[in-house]
């Protein structure tokens, strides 16, 4: 009888953290590029926090430069499999399946320009990282308010799951104040 070798798709904590961190880089770049704000940001520290299971959320905030009013808030909530962090076990999920899920989110981000209000003024952005309280942050980083939007419109986007990190995505944006007549 012939024997068969079955290749397993195994993912480690470090591999999952690298995928999620890379996703944040692509998502932020896509959002900032498509919204015409600014093209690039570094997510090195976020990768370290993902590997240690200490990062719960990343929020990309787009604000009016003249007024500092929050116009958009891109929320990426992260759930980390604590068993993987504590015991160093691996999980099974193919890169292909993970990339398919990420591509679905990236398509939604790219197409969001069709429903988000135009950014008709110069804008700036900020990245907020929500971590465990015991996390040491770089001294150049400052604590921030949550930069919320009053009465926002919200759109939940697809999520993706590496089997170690699950990322849920939601965009909130300032409601246009025009009358439908």
N, C-alpha and C. Protein backbone atom coordinates (compact mmCIF):
# COMPACT_ATOMS: atom_id res chain seq x y z
N UNK A 1 0.84 -1.17 0.00
CA UNK A 1 0.00 0.00 0.00
C UNK A 1 0.89 1.24 0.00
N UNK A 2 0.57 2.18 -0.83
CA UNK A 2 1.37 3.40 -0.93
C UNK A 2 1.05 4.33 0.24
N UNK A 3 2.08 4.95 0.75
CA UNK A 3 1.85 5.91 1.83
C UNK A 3 1.83 7.32 1.26
N UNK A 4 1.11 8.17 1.91
CA UNK A 4 0.96 9.54 1.45
C UNK A 4 1.48 10.49 2.51
N UNK A 5 2.20 11.49 2.07
CA UNK A 5 2.65 12.53 2.99
C UNK A 5 1.68 13.70 2.87
N UNK A 6 1.16 14.12 3.99
CA UNK A 6 0.22 15.24 3.99
C UNK A 6 0.95 16.45 4.57
N UNK A 7 0.98 17.51 3.78
CA UNK A 7 1.59 18.76 4.25
C UNK A 7 0.56 19.50 5.09
N UNK A 8 0.97 19.90 6.26
CA UNK A 8 0.08 20.65 7.14
C UNK A 8 0.43 22.13 7.07
N UNK A 9 -0.61 22.93 7.12
CA UNK A 9 -0.41 24.37 7.16
C UNK A 9 -0.40 24.79 8.63
N UNK A 10 0.80 24.99 9.15
CA UNK A 10 1.00 25.34 10.55
C UNK A 10 1.35 26.81 10.64
N UNK A 11 0.77 27.48 11.63
CA UNK A 11 1.14 28.87 11.86
C UNK A 11 1.59 29.04 13.30
N UNK A 12 2.67 29.78 13.48
CA UNK A 12 3.22 30.04 14.81
C UNK A 12 2.80 31.43 15.26
N UNK A 13 3.03 31.72 16.52
CA UNK A 13 2.74 33.05 17.06
C UNK A 13 3.52 34.11 16.30
N UNK A 14 4.81 33.89 16.10
CA UNK A 14 5.63 34.86 15.38
C UNK A 14 5.13 35.05 13.95
N UNK A 15 4.77 33.96 13.29
CA UNK A 15 4.25 34.05 11.92
C UNK A 15 2.95 34.80 11.86
N UNK A 16 2.06 34.53 12.81
CA UNK A 16 0.79 35.23 12.86
C UNK A 16 1.00 36.72 13.14
N UNK A 17 1.88 37.04 14.09
CA UNK A 17 2.17 38.44 14.41
C UNK A 17 2.73 39.16 13.19
N UNK A 18 3.59 38.49 12.43
CA UNK A 18 4.16 39.10 11.22
C UNK A 18 3.07 39.37 10.19
N UNK A 19 2.14 38.43 10.01
CA UNK A 19 1.06 38.61 9.04
C UNK A 19 0.16 39.77 9.46
N UNK A 20 -0.25 39.80 10.74
CA UNK A 20 -1.15 40.85 11.22
C UNK A 20 -0.46 42.21 11.15
N UNK A 21 0.80 42.27 11.53
CA UNK A 21 1.56 43.52 11.48
C UNK A 21 1.69 44.01 10.04
N UNK A 22 2.00 43.10 9.13
CA UNK A 22 2.11 43.46 7.71
C UNK A 22 0.76 43.95 7.18
N UNK A 23 -0.32 43.29 7.62
CA UNK A 23 -1.66 43.73 7.23
C UNK A 23 -1.91 45.17 7.65
N UNK A 24 -1.55 45.52 8.91
CA UNK A 24 -1.76 46.89 9.37
C UNK A 24 -1.01 47.89 8.50
N UNK A 25 0.21 47.53 8.12
CA UNK A 25 0.97 48.40 7.22
C UNK A 25 0.26 48.60 5.90
N UNK A 26 -0.20 47.50 5.30
CA UNK A 26 -0.93 47.60 4.03
C UNK A 26 -2.24 48.34 4.19
N UNK A 27 -2.99 48.03 5.26
CA UNK A 27 -4.28 48.68 5.47
C UNK A 27 -4.10 50.19 5.67
N UNK A 28 -3.15 50.57 6.53
CA UNK A 28 -2.92 52.00 6.78
C UNK A 28 -2.48 52.70 5.50
N UNK A 29 -1.54 52.08 4.79
CA UNK A 29 -1.09 52.69 3.54
C UNK A 29 -2.23 52.83 2.55
N UNK A 30 -3.06 51.81 2.45
CA UNK A 30 -4.18 51.86 1.52
C UNK A 30 -5.18 52.94 1.93
N UNK A 31 -5.52 52.98 3.21
CA UNK A 31 -6.46 54.00 3.69
C UNK A 31 -5.89 55.40 3.44
N UNK A 32 -4.66 55.62 3.86
CA UNK A 32 -4.06 56.95 3.73
C UNK A 32 -3.86 57.33 2.26
N UNK A 33 -3.49 56.37 1.43
CA UNK A 33 -3.33 56.65 0.00
C UNK A 33 -4.69 56.94 -0.64
N UNK A 34 -5.65 56.05 -0.42
CA UNK A 34 -6.96 56.22 -1.05
C UNK A 34 -7.71 57.44 -0.53
N UNK A 35 -7.43 57.85 0.69
CA UNK A 35 -8.08 59.03 1.24
C UNK A 35 -7.26 60.29 0.98
N UNK A 36 -6.10 60.15 0.34
CA UNK A 36 -5.29 61.30 -0.04
C UNK A 36 -4.64 62.00 1.13
N UNK A 37 -4.33 61.28 2.21
CA UNK A 37 -3.79 61.92 3.41
C UNK A 37 -2.27 61.86 3.45
N UNK A 38 -1.69 60.68 3.57
CA UNK A 38 -0.24 60.52 3.68
C UNK A 38 0.09 59.05 3.49
N UNK A 39 1.14 58.73 2.76
CA UNK A 39 1.32 57.35 2.32
C UNK A 39 1.91 56.30 3.26
N UNK A 40 2.66 56.59 4.32
CA UNK A 40 3.35 55.48 4.98
C UNK A 40 3.54 55.64 6.49
N UNK A 41 3.57 54.51 7.23
CA UNK A 41 3.79 54.49 8.68
C UNK A 41 4.47 53.18 9.06
N UNK A 42 5.24 53.20 10.11
CA UNK A 42 5.96 52.01 10.55
C UNK A 42 5.20 51.29 11.65
N UNK A 43 5.17 49.97 11.59
CA UNK A 43 4.44 49.19 12.57
C UNK A 43 5.34 48.17 13.27
N UNK A 44 6.62 48.52 13.46
CA UNK A 44 7.57 47.60 14.09
C UNK A 44 7.17 47.30 15.53
N UNK A 45 6.85 48.32 16.33
CA UNK A 45 6.49 48.13 17.73
C UNK A 45 5.22 47.29 17.84
N UNK A 46 4.28 47.50 16.93
CA UNK A 46 3.04 46.74 16.97
C UNK A 46 3.30 45.25 16.82
N UNK A 47 4.25 44.89 15.99
CA UNK A 47 4.59 43.48 15.79
C UNK A 47 5.08 42.85 17.10
N UNK A 48 5.92 43.58 17.83
CA UNK A 48 6.40 43.07 19.13
C UNK A 48 5.23 42.86 20.09
N UNK A 49 4.30 43.81 20.13
CA UNK A 49 3.15 43.71 21.02
C UNK A 49 2.21 42.58 20.59
N UNK A 50 2.09 42.36 19.28
CA UNK A 50 1.27 41.25 18.80
C UNK A 50 1.86 39.92 19.25
N UNK A 51 3.17 39.80 19.17
CA UNK A 51 3.83 38.55 19.57
C UNK A 51 3.69 38.29 21.07
N UNK A 52 3.62 39.34 21.86
CA UNK A 52 3.49 39.15 23.30
C UNK A 52 2.03 39.11 23.75
N UNK A 53 1.09 39.26 22.79
CA UNK A 53 -0.34 39.22 23.11
C UNK A 53 -0.84 40.43 23.87
N UNK A 54 -0.13 41.55 23.77
CA UNK A 54 -0.46 42.73 24.56
C UNK A 54 -1.12 43.86 23.77
N UNK A 55 -1.47 43.60 22.52
CA UNK A 55 -2.11 44.62 21.69
C UNK A 55 -3.56 44.23 21.45
N UNK A 56 -4.50 45.10 21.86
CA UNK A 56 -5.92 44.80 21.68
C UNK A 56 -6.55 45.52 20.49
N UNK A 57 -6.00 46.67 20.13
CA UNK A 57 -6.64 47.45 19.09
C UNK A 57 -5.64 48.43 18.49
N UNK A 58 -5.80 48.66 17.19
CA UNK A 58 -5.08 49.72 16.49
C UNK A 58 -6.14 50.58 15.82
N UNK A 59 -6.02 51.89 16.00
CA UNK A 59 -6.99 52.81 15.41
C UNK A 59 -6.24 53.83 14.57
N UNK A 60 -6.65 53.97 13.32
CA UNK A 60 -6.10 54.98 12.43
C UNK A 60 -7.13 56.10 12.37
N UNK A 61 -6.72 57.30 12.78
CA UNK A 61 -7.62 58.44 12.86
C UNK A 61 -7.21 59.47 11.81
N UNK A 62 -8.16 59.90 11.00
CA UNK A 62 -7.92 60.97 10.01
C UNK A 62 -8.65 62.21 10.51
N UNK A 63 -7.89 63.32 10.62
CA UNK A 63 -8.43 64.55 11.20
C UNK A 63 -8.22 65.73 10.25
N UNK A 64 -9.06 66.73 10.40
CA UNK A 64 -8.89 67.99 9.68
C UNK A 64 -7.64 68.67 10.21
N UNK A 65 -6.75 69.07 9.33
CA UNK A 65 -5.53 69.75 9.79
C UNK A 65 -5.85 71.11 10.41
N UNK A 66 -6.72 71.93 9.80
CA UNK A 66 -6.99 73.24 10.40
C UNK A 66 -7.72 73.18 11.74
N UNK A 67 -8.64 72.21 11.91
CA UNK A 67 -9.49 72.21 13.11
C UNK A 67 -9.22 71.05 14.07
N UNK A 68 -8.46 70.06 13.64
CA UNK A 68 -8.21 68.83 14.43
C UNK A 68 -9.48 68.00 14.64
N UNK A 69 -10.54 68.31 13.93
CA UNK A 69 -11.78 67.54 14.04
C UNK A 69 -11.56 66.15 13.45
N UNK A 70 -12.02 65.12 14.15
CA UNK A 70 -11.89 63.75 13.66
C UNK A 70 -12.92 63.52 12.56
N UNK A 71 -12.43 63.13 11.38
CA UNK A 71 -13.30 62.90 10.23
C UNK A 71 -13.56 61.41 10.01
N UNK A 72 -12.54 60.59 10.24
CA UNK A 72 -12.66 59.14 10.09
C UNK A 72 -11.88 58.45 11.19
N UNK A 73 -12.38 57.29 11.59
CA UNK A 73 -11.72 56.48 12.62
C UNK A 73 -11.79 55.03 12.18
N UNK A 74 -10.64 54.49 11.77
CA UNK A 74 -10.53 53.11 11.30
C UNK A 74 -10.08 52.25 12.47
N UNK A 75 -10.97 51.39 12.95
CA UNK A 75 -10.75 50.60 14.15
C UNK A 75 -10.45 49.14 13.79
N UNK A 76 -9.30 48.66 14.23
CA UNK A 76 -8.90 47.27 14.01
C UNK A 76 -8.79 46.60 15.39
N UNK A 77 -9.81 45.83 15.78
CA UNK A 77 -9.81 45.14 17.07
C UNK A 77 -9.12 43.79 16.92
N UNK A 78 -8.29 43.45 17.91
CA UNK A 78 -7.47 42.25 17.83
C UNK A 78 -7.78 41.33 19.00
N UNK A 79 -8.06 40.07 18.68
CA UNK A 79 -8.18 39.03 19.70
C UNK A 79 -7.00 38.09 19.49
N UNK A 80 -6.27 37.80 20.56
CA UNK A 80 -5.11 36.91 20.48
C UNK A 80 -5.39 35.63 21.26
N UNK A 81 -5.06 34.50 20.67
CA UNK A 81 -5.20 33.20 21.32
C UNK A 81 -4.18 33.13 22.45
N UNK A 82 -4.66 33.25 23.69
CA UNK A 82 -3.75 33.31 24.84
C UNK A 82 -2.96 32.01 25.03
N UNK A 83 -3.52 30.89 24.64
CA UNK A 83 -2.80 29.61 24.77
C UNK A 83 -1.52 29.62 23.93
N UNK A 84 -1.60 30.23 22.75
CA UNK A 84 -0.43 30.29 21.87
C UNK A 84 0.65 31.15 22.51
N UNK A 85 0.26 32.29 23.08
CA UNK A 85 1.22 33.18 23.73
C UNK A 85 1.85 32.50 24.94
N UNK A 86 1.02 31.87 25.77
CA UNK A 86 1.50 31.27 27.02
C UNK A 86 2.31 29.99 26.80
N UNK A 87 1.86 29.13 25.88
CA UNK A 87 2.47 27.81 25.73
C UNK A 87 3.31 27.64 24.47
N UNK A 88 3.24 28.61 23.56
CA UNK A 88 4.03 28.54 22.34
C UNK A 88 3.56 27.50 21.34
N UNK A 89 2.28 27.10 21.42
CA UNK A 89 1.76 26.12 20.47
C UNK A 89 1.50 26.79 19.12
N UNK A 90 1.31 25.98 18.10
CA UNK A 90 1.02 26.48 16.76
C UNK A 90 -0.44 26.17 16.42
N UNK A 91 -0.92 26.78 15.37
CA UNK A 91 -2.27 26.53 14.86
C UNK A 91 -2.17 26.22 13.37
N UNK A 92 -3.22 25.58 12.85
CA UNK A 92 -3.25 25.24 11.43
C UNK A 92 -4.16 26.18 10.66
N UNK A 93 -3.60 26.83 9.65
CA UNK A 93 -4.36 27.62 8.69
C UNK A 93 -3.43 27.96 7.55
N UNK A 94 -3.89 27.81 6.34
CA UNK A 94 -3.02 28.04 5.19
C UNK A 94 -2.81 29.53 4.93
N UNK A 95 -1.62 29.85 4.44
CA UNK A 95 -1.32 31.23 4.03
C UNK A 95 -2.33 31.69 2.99
N UNK A 96 -2.71 30.78 2.10
CA UNK A 96 -3.64 31.12 1.02
C UNK A 96 -4.99 31.58 1.59
N UNK A 97 -5.48 30.85 2.57
CA UNK A 97 -6.76 31.20 3.19
C UNK A 97 -6.67 32.54 3.93
N UNK A 98 -5.58 32.75 4.66
CA UNK A 98 -5.37 34.01 5.38
C UNK A 98 -5.30 35.16 4.39
N UNK A 99 -4.53 34.99 3.32
CA UNK A 99 -4.39 36.06 2.31
C UNK A 99 -5.71 36.36 1.63
N UNK A 100 -6.53 35.34 1.41
CA UNK A 100 -7.84 35.55 0.80
C UNK A 100 -8.70 36.44 1.70
N UNK A 101 -8.66 36.20 3.01
CA UNK A 101 -9.42 37.02 3.96
C UNK A 101 -8.89 38.45 4.00
N UNK A 102 -7.57 38.60 3.99
CA UNK A 102 -6.97 39.94 4.00
C UNK A 102 -7.31 40.69 2.72
N UNK A 103 -7.26 40.00 1.58
CA UNK A 103 -7.59 40.64 0.30
C UNK A 103 -9.03 41.16 0.30
N UNK A 104 -9.94 40.42 0.94
CA UNK A 104 -11.34 40.88 1.01
C UNK A 104 -11.43 42.20 1.76
N UNK A 105 -10.69 42.32 2.86
CA UNK A 105 -10.68 43.58 3.61
C UNK A 105 -10.04 44.69 2.78
N UNK A 106 -8.94 44.38 2.13
CA UNK A 106 -8.24 45.41 1.34
C UNK A 106 -9.14 45.91 0.20
N UNK A 107 -9.92 45.01 -0.40
CA UNK A 107 -10.86 45.45 -1.45
C UNK A 107 -11.92 46.37 -0.85
N UNK A 108 -12.39 46.04 0.36
CA UNK A 108 -13.38 46.91 1.00
C UNK A 108 -12.78 48.27 1.33
N UNK A 109 -11.55 48.29 1.80
CA UNK A 109 -10.90 49.56 2.11
C UNK A 109 -10.76 50.39 0.84
N UNK A 110 -10.31 49.75 -0.24
CA UNK A 110 -10.13 50.47 -1.51
C UNK A 110 -11.46 50.99 -2.04
N UNK A 111 -12.54 50.23 -1.86
CA UNK A 111 -13.84 50.67 -2.39
C UNK A 111 -14.56 51.63 -1.45
N UNK A 112 -14.04 51.85 -0.25
CA UNK A 112 -14.70 52.74 0.71
C UNK A 112 -14.79 54.17 0.20
N UNK A 113 -13.95 54.51 -0.75
CA UNK A 113 -13.99 55.86 -1.32
C UNK A 113 -15.36 56.14 -1.95
N UNK A 114 -16.11 55.08 -2.29
CA UNK A 114 -17.41 55.26 -2.91
C UNK A 114 -18.49 55.71 -1.93
N UNK A 115 -18.30 55.47 -0.63
CA UNK A 115 -19.33 55.88 0.33
C UNK A 115 -18.83 56.85 1.40
N UNK A 116 -17.52 56.99 1.56
CA UNK A 116 -17.01 57.94 2.55
C UNK A 116 -17.12 59.36 2.01
N UNK A 117 -17.41 60.32 2.89
CA UNK A 117 -17.45 61.72 2.45
C UNK A 117 -16.08 62.15 1.91
N UNK A 118 -16.10 63.06 0.96
CA UNK A 118 -14.84 63.58 0.40
C UNK A 118 -14.06 64.31 1.48
N UNK A 119 -12.77 64.18 1.42
CA UNK A 119 -11.90 64.94 2.33
C UNK A 119 -11.48 66.20 1.56
N UNK A 120 -12.25 67.27 1.75
CA UNK A 120 -12.07 68.50 0.98
C UNK A 120 -11.12 69.50 1.62
N UNK A 121 -10.43 69.08 2.64
CA UNK A 121 -9.53 69.97 3.36
C UNK A 121 -8.23 69.22 3.65
N UNK A 122 -7.16 69.94 3.96
CA UNK A 122 -5.92 69.25 4.33
C UNK A 122 -6.17 68.39 5.57
N UNK A 123 -5.60 67.19 5.56
CA UNK A 123 -5.82 66.26 6.68
C UNK A 123 -4.50 65.78 7.26
N UNK A 124 -4.57 65.36 8.50
CA UNK A 124 -3.45 64.72 9.19
C UNK A 124 -4.01 63.41 9.76
N UNK A 125 -3.12 62.55 10.19
CA UNK A 125 -3.58 61.30 10.76
C UNK A 125 -2.80 60.98 12.02
N UNK A 126 -3.36 60.08 12.80
CA UNK A 126 -2.70 59.59 14.00
C UNK A 126 -3.00 58.11 14.10
N UNK A 127 -2.09 57.37 14.68
CA UNK A 127 -2.30 55.94 14.92
C UNK A 127 -2.34 55.74 16.43
N UNK A 128 -3.43 55.16 16.91
CA UNK A 128 -3.58 54.88 18.33
C UNK A 128 -3.40 53.39 18.54
N UNK A 129 -2.62 53.02 19.52
CA UNK A 129 -2.42 51.61 19.86
C UNK A 129 -2.96 51.38 21.27
N UNK A 130 -3.89 50.47 21.39
CA UNK A 130 -4.47 50.11 22.69
C UNK A 130 -3.77 48.84 23.16
N UNK A 131 -3.02 48.95 24.26
CA UNK A 131 -2.22 47.83 24.76
C UNK A 131 -2.57 47.53 26.21
N UNK A 132 -2.00 46.44 26.72
CA UNK A 132 -2.09 46.17 28.15
C UNK A 132 -1.42 47.32 28.90
N UNK A 133 -1.84 47.56 30.12
CA UNK A 133 -1.30 48.68 30.91
C UNK A 133 0.18 48.53 31.24
N UNK A 134 0.68 47.30 31.29
CA UNK A 134 2.08 47.07 31.66
C UNK A 134 3.07 47.20 30.50
N UNK A 135 2.59 47.59 29.33
CA UNK A 135 3.45 47.70 28.15
C UNK A 135 4.25 49.01 28.20
N UNK A 136 5.55 48.88 27.97
CA UNK A 136 6.41 50.08 27.88
C UNK A 136 6.30 50.63 26.47
N UNK A 137 5.95 51.90 26.37
CA UNK A 137 5.83 52.52 25.05
C UNK A 137 7.05 53.39 24.78
N UNK A 138 7.40 53.58 23.51
CA UNK A 138 8.54 54.44 23.19
C UNK A 138 8.34 55.84 23.79
N UNK A 139 9.42 56.44 24.26
CA UNK A 139 9.30 57.75 24.92
C UNK A 139 8.82 58.84 23.97
N UNK A 140 8.94 58.64 22.66
CA UNK A 140 8.46 59.64 21.70
C UNK A 140 6.95 59.56 21.49
N UNK A 141 6.32 58.50 21.99
CA UNK A 141 4.87 58.35 21.86
C UNK A 141 4.20 59.05 23.03
N UNK A 142 3.01 59.58 22.80
CA UNK A 142 2.27 60.25 23.87
C UNK A 142 0.90 59.59 24.06
N UNK A 143 0.40 59.68 25.28
CA UNK A 143 -0.94 59.17 25.54
C UNK A 143 -1.94 60.10 24.88
N UNK A 144 -3.02 59.53 24.38
CA UNK A 144 -3.99 60.31 23.63
C UNK A 144 -5.40 60.02 24.11
N UNK A 145 -6.29 60.96 23.83
CA UNK A 145 -7.70 60.69 24.03
C UNK A 145 -8.13 59.73 22.90
N UNK A 146 -9.30 59.12 22.99
CA UNK A 146 -9.68 58.13 21.97
C UNK A 146 -10.05 58.70 20.60
N UNK A 147 -10.13 60.02 20.51
CA UNK A 147 -10.44 60.69 19.24
C UNK A 147 -11.71 60.10 18.60
N UNK A 148 -12.80 60.22 19.35
CA UNK A 148 -14.08 59.69 18.89
C UNK A 148 -14.80 60.70 18.01
N UNK A 149 -15.77 60.22 17.27
CA UNK A 149 -16.61 61.05 16.42
C UNK A 149 -18.01 61.05 17.03
N UNK A 150 -18.59 62.25 17.23
CA UNK A 150 -19.95 62.34 17.76
C UNK A 150 -20.94 61.87 16.69
N UNK A 151 -21.86 61.00 17.06
CA UNK A 151 -22.90 60.49 16.16
C UNK A 151 -22.33 60.02 14.81
N UNK A 152 -21.41 59.09 14.82
CA UNK A 152 -20.79 58.69 13.56
C UNK A 152 -21.66 57.74 12.74
N UNK A 153 -21.37 57.68 11.46
CA UNK A 153 -21.83 56.59 10.61
C UNK A 153 -20.79 55.50 10.78
N UNK A 154 -21.21 54.24 10.82
CA UNK A 154 -20.25 53.15 11.01
C UNK A 154 -20.49 52.06 9.97
N UNK A 155 -19.40 51.52 9.46
CA UNK A 155 -19.47 50.40 8.52
C UNK A 155 -18.51 49.33 9.01
N UNK A 156 -19.06 48.13 9.26
CA UNK A 156 -18.22 47.01 9.66
C UNK A 156 -17.69 46.35 8.39
N UNK A 157 -16.39 46.15 8.35
CA UNK A 157 -15.77 45.49 7.21
C UNK A 157 -15.52 44.03 7.56
N UNK A 158 -15.04 43.28 6.59
CA UNK A 158 -14.70 41.87 6.85
C UNK A 158 -13.67 41.78 7.96
N UNK A 159 -13.53 40.59 8.52
CA UNK A 159 -12.47 40.33 9.49
C UNK A 159 -11.56 39.26 8.90
N UNK A 160 -10.41 39.08 9.52
CA UNK A 160 -9.58 37.94 9.15
C UNK A 160 -9.03 37.30 10.40
N UNK A 161 -8.66 36.04 10.26
CA UNK A 161 -8.26 35.23 11.40
C UNK A 161 -7.10 34.33 10.99
N UNK A 162 -5.98 34.46 11.70
CA UNK A 162 -4.83 33.59 11.43
C UNK A 162 -4.90 32.32 12.27
N UNK A 163 -5.94 32.19 13.08
CA UNK A 163 -6.11 31.15 14.10
C UNK A 163 -5.33 31.49 15.36
N UNK A 164 -4.52 32.54 15.31
CA UNK A 164 -3.82 33.03 16.50
C UNK A 164 -4.30 34.45 16.80
N UNK A 165 -4.37 35.27 15.75
CA UNK A 165 -4.89 36.63 15.89
C UNK A 165 -6.14 36.75 15.01
N UNK A 166 -7.21 37.29 15.60
CA UNK A 166 -8.40 37.62 14.83
C UNK A 166 -8.51 39.14 14.81
N UNK A 167 -8.69 39.70 13.62
CA UNK A 167 -8.77 41.15 13.46
C UNK A 167 -10.13 41.51 12.88
N UNK A 168 -10.90 42.30 13.63
CA UNK A 168 -12.18 42.83 13.17
C UNK A 168 -11.97 44.29 12.78
N UNK A 169 -12.60 44.70 11.69
CA UNK A 169 -12.37 46.04 11.15
C UNK A 169 -13.69 46.82 11.07
N UNK A 170 -13.63 48.08 11.48
CA UNK A 170 -14.80 48.95 11.46
C UNK A 170 -14.33 50.36 11.13
N UNK A 171 -15.03 51.03 10.23
CA UNK A 171 -14.73 52.44 9.97
C UNK A 171 -15.90 53.28 10.46
N UNK A 172 -15.58 54.33 11.21
CA UNK A 172 -16.57 55.32 11.65
C UNK A 172 -16.21 56.62 10.95
N UNK A 173 -17.21 57.34 10.52
CA UNK A 173 -16.91 58.61 9.86
C UNK A 173 -17.96 59.65 10.21
N UNK A 174 -17.54 60.89 10.05
CA UNK A 174 -18.38 62.03 10.38
C UNK A 174 -19.55 62.06 9.41
N UNK A 175 -20.72 62.21 9.97
CA UNK A 175 -21.94 62.28 9.19
C UNK A 175 -21.96 63.57 8.38
N UNK A 176 -22.21 63.48 7.08
CA UNK A 176 -22.36 64.70 6.29
C UNK A 176 -23.59 65.45 6.77
N UNK A 177 -23.48 66.76 6.84
CA UNK A 177 -24.58 67.57 7.37
C UNK A 177 -25.35 68.26 6.25
N UNK A 178 -25.69 67.51 5.22
CA UNK A 178 -26.46 68.10 4.13
C UNK A 178 -27.88 67.56 4.19
N UNK A 179 -28.80 68.34 3.72
CA UNK A 179 -30.21 67.95 3.74
C UNK A 179 -30.58 67.21 2.47
N UNK A 180 -31.37 66.15 2.63
CA UNK A 180 -31.88 65.43 1.46
C UNK A 180 -33.22 66.07 1.09
N UNK A 181 -33.22 66.88 0.05
CA UNK A 181 -34.46 67.55 -0.36
C UNK A 181 -34.76 67.26 -1.79
